[in-house]
Amino acid sequence: TGDGVNDAPALAQADVGIAVGSGTDVAAETADIILVNSNPKDIANLILFGKATYQKMIQNLAWATGYNAIAIPLAVGVLYPWGFVLSPAVGAVFMSLSTIIVAINAQLLKRKIGK
């Protein structure tokens, strides 16, 4: 974390630079994150937020991979010999629903962080 001009090089070189909101403009421009309230507890909240975001990314990736692993063979016609044909219109609706599910799951992050 930093708040002064002399902290800017360290903030730029850090993996994640955190500046205190009451610091200089140089530190704020160089940092990746700015603590507006200058509260050290916010760093712990940032870490929790990052972990929760990563978890949502994994969930959405797992959903999309699973969906595509099932939907692509159906769209290609793997079950055609048994009389099952997926029309392009139905495939488009299912793809839209999959996108909506991913978006809703991402929005649930707000609810988790709000607690």
N, C-alpha and C. Protein backbone atom coordinates (compact mmCIF):
# COMPACT_ATOMS: atom_id res chain seq x y z
N THR A 1 0.85 -1.19 0.00
CA THR A 1 0.00 0.00 0.00
C THR A 1 0.88 1.23 0.00
N GLY A 2 0.34 2.32 -0.50
CA GLY A 2 1.11 3.56 -0.54
C GLY A 2 0.21 4.76 -0.61
N ASP A 3 0.79 5.91 -0.24
CA ASP A 3 0.02 7.14 -0.31
C ASP A 3 0.84 8.33 -0.78
N GLY A 4 2.11 8.13 -1.04
CA GLY A 4 2.96 9.26 -1.42
C GLY A 4 3.56 9.10 -2.79
N VAL A 5 4.24 10.16 -3.27
CA VAL A 5 4.89 10.16 -4.58
C VAL A 5 5.99 9.10 -4.61
N ASN A 6 6.72 8.96 -3.51
CA ASN A 6 7.81 8.00 -3.47
C ASN A 6 7.32 6.55 -3.51
N ASP A 7 6.04 6.32 -3.29
CA ASP A 7 5.48 4.96 -3.33
C ASP A 7 5.11 4.53 -4.75
N ALA A 8 5.03 5.46 -5.68
CA ALA A 8 4.56 5.15 -7.03
C ALA A 8 5.38 4.06 -7.71
N PRO A 9 6.72 4.09 -7.67
CA PRO A 9 7.47 3.01 -8.33
C PRO A 9 7.18 1.63 -7.72
N ALA A 10 7.05 1.57 -6.40
CA ALA A 10 6.74 0.29 -5.76
C ALA A 10 5.33 -0.17 -6.12
N LEU A 11 4.39 0.76 -6.19
CA LEU A 11 3.02 0.41 -6.57
C LEU A 11 2.97 -0.12 -7.99
N ALA A 12 3.78 0.49 -8.87
CA ALA A 12 3.79 0.07 -10.27
C ALA A 12 4.40 -1.31 -10.43
N GLN A 13 5.39 -1.63 -9.62
CA GLN A 13 6.08 -2.91 -9.74
C GLN A 13 5.37 -4.04 -9.01
N ALA A 14 4.53 -3.72 -8.06
CA ALA A 14 3.83 -4.75 -7.27
C ALA A 14 2.86 -5.54 -8.13
N ASP A 15 2.59 -6.78 -7.73
CA ASP A 15 1.58 -7.58 -8.42
C ASP A 15 0.22 -6.90 -8.32
N VAL A 16 -0.10 -6.40 -7.14
CA VAL A 16 -1.33 -5.64 -6.91
C VAL A 16 -0.96 -4.45 -6.05
N GLY A 17 -1.01 -3.25 -6.64
CA GLY A 17 -0.69 -2.04 -5.89
C GLY A 17 -1.94 -1.45 -5.27
N ILE A 18 -1.86 -1.14 -3.98
CA ILE A 18 -3.01 -0.59 -3.26
C ILE A 18 -2.62 0.77 -2.71
N ALA A 19 -3.36 1.80 -3.12
CA ALA A 19 -3.10 3.16 -2.64
C ALA A 19 -4.19 3.57 -1.66
N VAL A 20 -3.80 4.41 -0.71
CA VAL A 20 -4.75 4.97 0.25
C VAL A 20 -5.42 6.16 -0.41
N GLY A 21 -6.73 6.26 -0.28
CA GLY A 21 -7.50 7.29 -0.96
C GLY A 21 -7.06 8.70 -0.65
N SER A 22 -6.54 8.93 0.53
CA SER A 22 -6.12 10.28 0.89
C SER A 22 -4.71 10.60 0.39
N GLY A 23 -4.11 9.70 -0.37
CA GLY A 23 -2.74 9.89 -0.85
C GLY A 23 -2.67 10.81 -2.05
N THR A 24 -1.50 10.82 -2.68
CA THR A 24 -1.26 11.71 -3.82
C THR A 24 -1.90 11.16 -5.08
N ASP A 25 -2.03 12.05 -6.07
CA ASP A 25 -2.58 11.64 -7.36
C ASP A 25 -1.66 10.65 -8.05
N VAL A 26 -0.34 10.82 -7.88
CA VAL A 26 0.61 9.91 -8.51
C VAL A 26 0.42 8.49 -7.99
N ALA A 27 0.27 8.35 -6.68
CA ALA A 27 0.05 7.02 -6.10
C ALA A 27 -1.27 6.45 -6.58
N ALA A 28 -2.29 7.27 -6.64
CA ALA A 28 -3.61 6.81 -7.07
C ALA A 28 -3.59 6.37 -8.54
N GLU A 29 -2.86 7.09 -9.38
CA GLU A 29 -2.80 6.73 -10.80
C GLU A 29 -2.01 5.45 -11.02
N THR A 30 -1.02 5.20 -10.18
CA THR A 30 -0.16 4.04 -10.34
C THR A 30 -0.77 2.78 -9.76
N ALA A 31 -1.56 2.92 -8.73
CA ALA A 31 -2.11 1.76 -8.01
C ALA A 31 -3.18 1.04 -8.83
N ASP A 32 -3.33 -0.24 -8.55
CA ASP A 32 -4.41 -1.03 -9.15
C ASP A 32 -5.71 -0.84 -8.38
N ILE A 33 -5.58 -0.62 -7.07
CA ILE A 33 -6.73 -0.49 -6.18
C ILE A 33 -6.52 0.74 -5.31
N ILE A 34 -7.60 1.49 -5.08
CA ILE A 34 -7.53 2.66 -4.20
C ILE A 34 -8.49 2.44 -3.04
N LEU A 35 -7.96 2.50 -1.82
CA LEU A 35 -8.79 2.39 -0.63
C LEU A 35 -9.40 3.76 -0.35
N VAL A 36 -10.66 3.93 -0.62
CA VAL A 36 -11.32 5.22 -0.47
C VAL A 36 -11.41 5.63 0.99
N ASN A 37 -11.73 4.68 1.87
CA ASN A 37 -11.93 4.99 3.28
C ASN A 37 -10.66 4.90 4.12
N SER A 38 -9.56 4.52 3.51
CA SER A 38 -8.28 4.35 4.23
C SER A 38 -8.41 3.37 5.39
N ASN A 39 -9.23 2.35 5.21
CA ASN A 39 -9.47 1.36 6.25
C ASN A 39 -8.71 0.08 5.90
N PRO A 40 -7.76 -0.34 6.73
CA PRO A 40 -6.99 -1.55 6.44
C PRO A 40 -7.86 -2.81 6.33
N LYS A 41 -9.02 -2.83 6.97
CA LYS A 41 -9.92 -3.98 6.87
C LYS A 41 -10.41 -4.18 5.44
N ASP A 42 -10.38 -3.10 4.66
CA ASP A 42 -10.81 -3.21 3.27
C ASP A 42 -9.91 -4.14 2.47
N ILE A 43 -8.65 -4.28 2.88
CA ILE A 43 -7.74 -5.19 2.18
C ILE A 43 -8.23 -6.63 2.35
N ALA A 44 -8.66 -6.99 3.55
CA ALA A 44 -9.22 -8.32 3.77
C ALA A 44 -10.48 -8.51 2.94
N ASN A 45 -11.31 -7.47 2.85
CA ASN A 45 -12.53 -7.55 2.03
C ASN A 45 -12.18 -7.72 0.56
N LEU A 46 -11.12 -7.05 0.11
CA LEU A 46 -10.68 -7.19 -1.28
C LEU A 46 -10.25 -8.63 -1.58
N ILE A 47 -9.55 -9.22 -0.64
CA ILE A 47 -9.11 -10.61 -0.82
C ILE A 47 -10.32 -11.54 -0.89
N LEU A 48 -11.29 -11.34 0.01
CA LEU A 48 -12.51 -12.16 -0.02
C LEU A 48 -13.28 -11.96 -1.32
N PHE A 49 -13.34 -10.71 -1.78
CA PHE A 49 -14.03 -10.41 -3.04
C PHE A 49 -13.33 -11.10 -4.21
N GLY A 50 -12.01 -11.06 -4.21
CA GLY A 50 -11.25 -11.72 -5.27
C GLY A 50 -11.48 -13.22 -5.28
N LYS A 51 -11.49 -13.84 -4.10
CA LYS A 51 -11.74 -15.28 -4.02
C LYS A 51 -13.15 -15.63 -4.47
N ALA A 52 -14.12 -14.82 -4.07
CA ALA A 52 -15.51 -15.06 -4.47
C ALA A 52 -15.67 -14.89 -5.98
N THR A 53 -15.00 -13.90 -6.55
CA THR A 53 -15.06 -13.68 -7.99
C THR A 53 -14.45 -14.85 -8.74
N TYR A 54 -13.31 -15.32 -8.26
CA TYR A 54 -12.66 -16.47 -8.88
C TYR A 54 -13.57 -17.70 -8.82
N GLN A 55 -14.23 -17.90 -7.70
CA GLN A 55 -15.14 -19.03 -7.54
C GLN A 55 -16.29 -18.94 -8.55
N LYS A 56 -16.83 -17.74 -8.75
CA LYS A 56 -17.90 -17.56 -9.74
C LYS A 56 -17.38 -17.85 -11.15
N MET A 57 -16.16 -17.45 -11.43
CA MET A 57 -15.58 -17.73 -12.74
C MET A 57 -15.49 -19.23 -12.97
N ILE A 58 -15.04 -19.96 -11.96
CA ILE A 58 -14.93 -21.42 -12.08
C ILE A 58 -16.31 -22.05 -12.26
N GLN A 59 -17.30 -21.58 -11.49
CA GLN A 59 -18.66 -22.10 -11.63
C GLN A 59 -19.19 -21.87 -13.04
N ASN A 60 -19.02 -20.66 -13.56
CA ASN A 60 -19.53 -20.34 -14.89
C ASN A 60 -18.79 -21.11 -15.97
N LEU A 61 -17.49 -21.29 -15.79
CA LEU A 61 -16.72 -22.08 -16.75
C LEU A 61 -17.16 -23.54 -16.73
N ALA A 62 -17.41 -24.08 -15.54
CA ALA A 62 -17.88 -25.46 -15.43
C ALA A 62 -19.25 -25.62 -16.08
N TRP A 63 -20.14 -24.66 -15.84
CA TRP A 63 -21.47 -24.72 -16.45
C TRP A 63 -21.36 -24.67 -17.97
N ALA A 64 -20.60 -23.71 -18.49
CA ALA A 64 -20.48 -23.55 -19.93
C ALA A 64 -19.84 -24.78 -20.57
N THR A 65 -18.83 -25.35 -19.93
CA THR A 65 -18.18 -26.54 -20.46
C THR A 65 -19.15 -27.73 -20.46
N GLY A 66 -19.85 -27.92 -19.35
CA GLY A 66 -20.81 -29.01 -19.27
C GLY A 66 -21.93 -28.86 -20.28
N TYR A 67 -22.44 -27.65 -20.39
CA TYR A 67 -23.52 -27.39 -21.34
C TYR A 67 -23.06 -27.70 -22.76
N ASN A 68 -21.89 -27.18 -23.13
CA ASN A 68 -21.39 -27.39 -24.49
C ASN A 68 -21.04 -28.85 -24.75
N ALA A 69 -20.57 -29.56 -23.72
CA ALA A 69 -20.26 -30.98 -23.89
C ALA A 69 -21.51 -31.78 -24.23
N ILE A 70 -22.65 -31.33 -23.76
CA ILE A 70 -23.91 -32.00 -24.05
C ILE A 70 -24.58 -31.43 -25.30
N ALA A 71 -24.60 -30.10 -25.41
CA ALA A 71 -25.36 -29.45 -26.48
C ALA A 71 -24.73 -29.62 -27.86
N ILE A 72 -23.41 -29.56 -27.94
CA ILE A 72 -22.77 -29.65 -29.26
C ILE A 72 -23.03 -31.02 -29.91
N PRO A 73 -22.83 -32.13 -29.20
CA PRO A 73 -23.17 -33.41 -29.84
C PRO A 73 -24.65 -33.51 -30.24
N LEU A 74 -25.54 -32.94 -29.41
CA LEU A 74 -26.96 -32.96 -29.79
C LEU A 74 -27.20 -32.14 -31.04
N ALA A 75 -26.55 -30.99 -31.14
CA ALA A 75 -26.72 -30.13 -32.32
C ALA A 75 -26.15 -30.79 -33.57
N VAL A 76 -25.10 -31.56 -33.41
CA VAL A 76 -24.48 -32.24 -34.55
C VAL A 76 -25.35 -33.40 -35.03
N GLY A 77 -26.17 -33.93 -34.14
CA GLY A 77 -27.07 -35.00 -34.54
C GLY A 77 -26.65 -36.38 -34.06
N VAL A 78 -25.94 -36.45 -32.96
CA VAL A 78 -25.49 -37.74 -32.43
C VAL A 78 -26.67 -38.68 -32.15
N LEU A 79 -27.78 -38.12 -31.72
CA LEU A 79 -28.95 -38.96 -31.40
C LEU A 79 -29.92 -39.11 -32.58
N TYR A 80 -29.52 -38.66 -33.75
CA TYR A 80 -30.38 -38.77 -34.94
C TYR A 80 -30.79 -40.22 -35.24
N PRO A 81 -29.87 -41.19 -35.10
CA PRO A 81 -30.28 -42.58 -35.38
C PRO A 81 -31.42 -43.08 -34.49
N TRP A 82 -31.62 -42.45 -33.35
CA TRP A 82 -32.70 -42.85 -32.44
C TRP A 82 -33.91 -41.91 -32.56
N GLY A 83 -33.92 -41.09 -33.58
CA GLY A 83 -35.07 -40.25 -33.86
C GLY A 83 -35.10 -38.91 -33.14
N PHE A 84 -34.00 -38.54 -32.49
CA PHE A 84 -33.98 -37.24 -31.81
C PHE A 84 -33.22 -36.24 -32.67
N VAL A 85 -33.93 -35.18 -33.06
CA VAL A 85 -33.32 -34.12 -33.85
C VAL A 85 -33.54 -32.80 -33.11
N LEU A 86 -32.47 -32.08 -32.89
CA LEU A 86 -32.55 -30.77 -32.23
C LEU A 86 -32.62 -29.70 -33.31
N SER A 87 -33.75 -29.01 -33.37
CA SER A 87 -33.89 -27.98 -34.40
C SER A 87 -32.99 -26.79 -34.07
N PRO A 88 -32.55 -26.06 -35.08
CA PRO A 88 -31.71 -24.88 -34.83
C PRO A 88 -32.39 -23.85 -33.93
N ALA A 89 -33.69 -23.70 -34.06
CA ALA A 89 -34.40 -22.72 -33.22
C ALA A 89 -34.35 -23.13 -31.75
N VAL A 90 -34.56 -24.40 -31.47
CA VAL A 90 -34.50 -24.88 -30.09
C VAL A 90 -33.07 -24.76 -29.57
N GLY A 91 -32.09 -25.07 -30.41
CA GLY A 91 -30.69 -24.92 -30.02
C GLY A 91 -30.36 -23.48 -29.67
N ALA A 92 -30.89 -22.54 -30.44
CA ALA A 92 -30.65 -21.12 -30.17
C ALA A 92 -31.29 -20.70 -28.85
N VAL A 93 -32.48 -21.20 -28.57
CA VAL A 93 -33.15 -20.89 -27.30
C VAL A 93 -32.34 -21.44 -26.13
N PHE A 94 -31.88 -22.69 -26.26
CA PHE A 94 -31.08 -23.29 -25.18
C PHE A 94 -29.77 -22.53 -24.97
N MET A 95 -29.15 -22.08 -26.06
CA MET A 95 -27.91 -21.32 -25.92
C MET A 95 -28.18 -20.00 -25.22
N SER A 96 -29.28 -19.35 -25.55
CA SER A 96 -29.65 -18.10 -24.88
C SER A 96 -29.91 -18.34 -23.39
N LEU A 97 -30.59 -19.43 -23.07
CA LEU A 97 -30.83 -19.77 -21.66
C LEU A 97 -29.53 -20.03 -20.92
N SER A 98 -28.59 -20.68 -21.59
CA SER A 98 -27.29 -20.92 -20.96
C SER A 98 -26.58 -19.62 -20.65
N THR A 99 -26.65 -18.68 -21.57
CA THR A 99 -26.03 -17.36 -21.36
C THR A 99 -26.70 -16.64 -20.20
N ILE A 100 -28.01 -16.72 -20.13
CA ILE A 100 -28.76 -16.07 -19.04
C ILE A 100 -28.39 -16.70 -17.69
N ILE A 101 -28.23 -18.02 -17.66
CA ILE A 101 -27.85 -18.69 -16.41
C ILE A 101 -26.48 -18.22 -15.94
N VAL A 102 -25.54 -18.10 -16.86
CA VAL A 102 -24.20 -17.62 -16.51
C VAL A 102 -24.27 -16.18 -15.99
N ALA A 103 -25.06 -15.34 -16.64
CA ALA A 103 -25.19 -13.94 -16.21
C ALA A 103 -25.84 -13.84 -14.83
N ILE A 104 -26.87 -14.64 -14.60
CA ILE A 104 -27.53 -14.62 -13.28
C ILE A 104 -26.57 -15.10 -12.20
N ASN A 105 -25.82 -16.14 -12.49
CA ASN A 105 -24.85 -16.64 -11.52
C ASN A 105 -23.80 -15.58 -11.20
N ALA A 106 -23.37 -14.85 -12.20
CA ALA A 106 -22.40 -13.77 -11.96
C ALA A 106 -23.02 -12.67 -11.10
N GLN A 107 -24.30 -12.37 -11.33
CA GLN A 107 -24.97 -11.34 -10.53
C GLN A 107 -25.15 -11.76 -9.07
N LEU A 108 -25.21 -13.05 -8.82
CA LEU A 108 -25.34 -13.54 -7.45
C LEU A 108 -24.12 -13.18 -6.60
N LEU A 109 -23.03 -12.83 -7.25
CA LEU A 109 -21.84 -12.40 -6.52
C LEU A 109 -22.13 -11.15 -5.70
N LYS A 110 -22.97 -10.26 -6.24
CA LYS A 110 -23.35 -9.05 -5.50
C LYS A 110 -24.03 -9.40 -4.19
N ARG A 111 -24.88 -10.40 -4.22
CA ARG A 111 -25.61 -10.81 -3.03
C ARG A 111 -24.65 -11.40 -1.99
N LYS A 112 -23.69 -12.18 -2.46
CA LYS A 112 -22.73 -12.81 -1.55
C LYS A 112 -21.81 -11.77 -0.92
N ILE A 113 -21.37 -10.80 -1.70
CA ILE A 113 -20.46 -9.77 -1.20
C ILE A 113 -21.20 -8.80 -0.29
N GLY A 114 -22.48 -8.58 -0.54
CA GLY A 114 -23.26 -7.65 0.26
C GLY A 114 -23.43 -8.08 1.71
N LYS A 115 -23.19 -9.35 2.00
CA LYS A 115 -23.38 -9.86 3.37
C LYS A 115 -22.21 -9.52 4.26
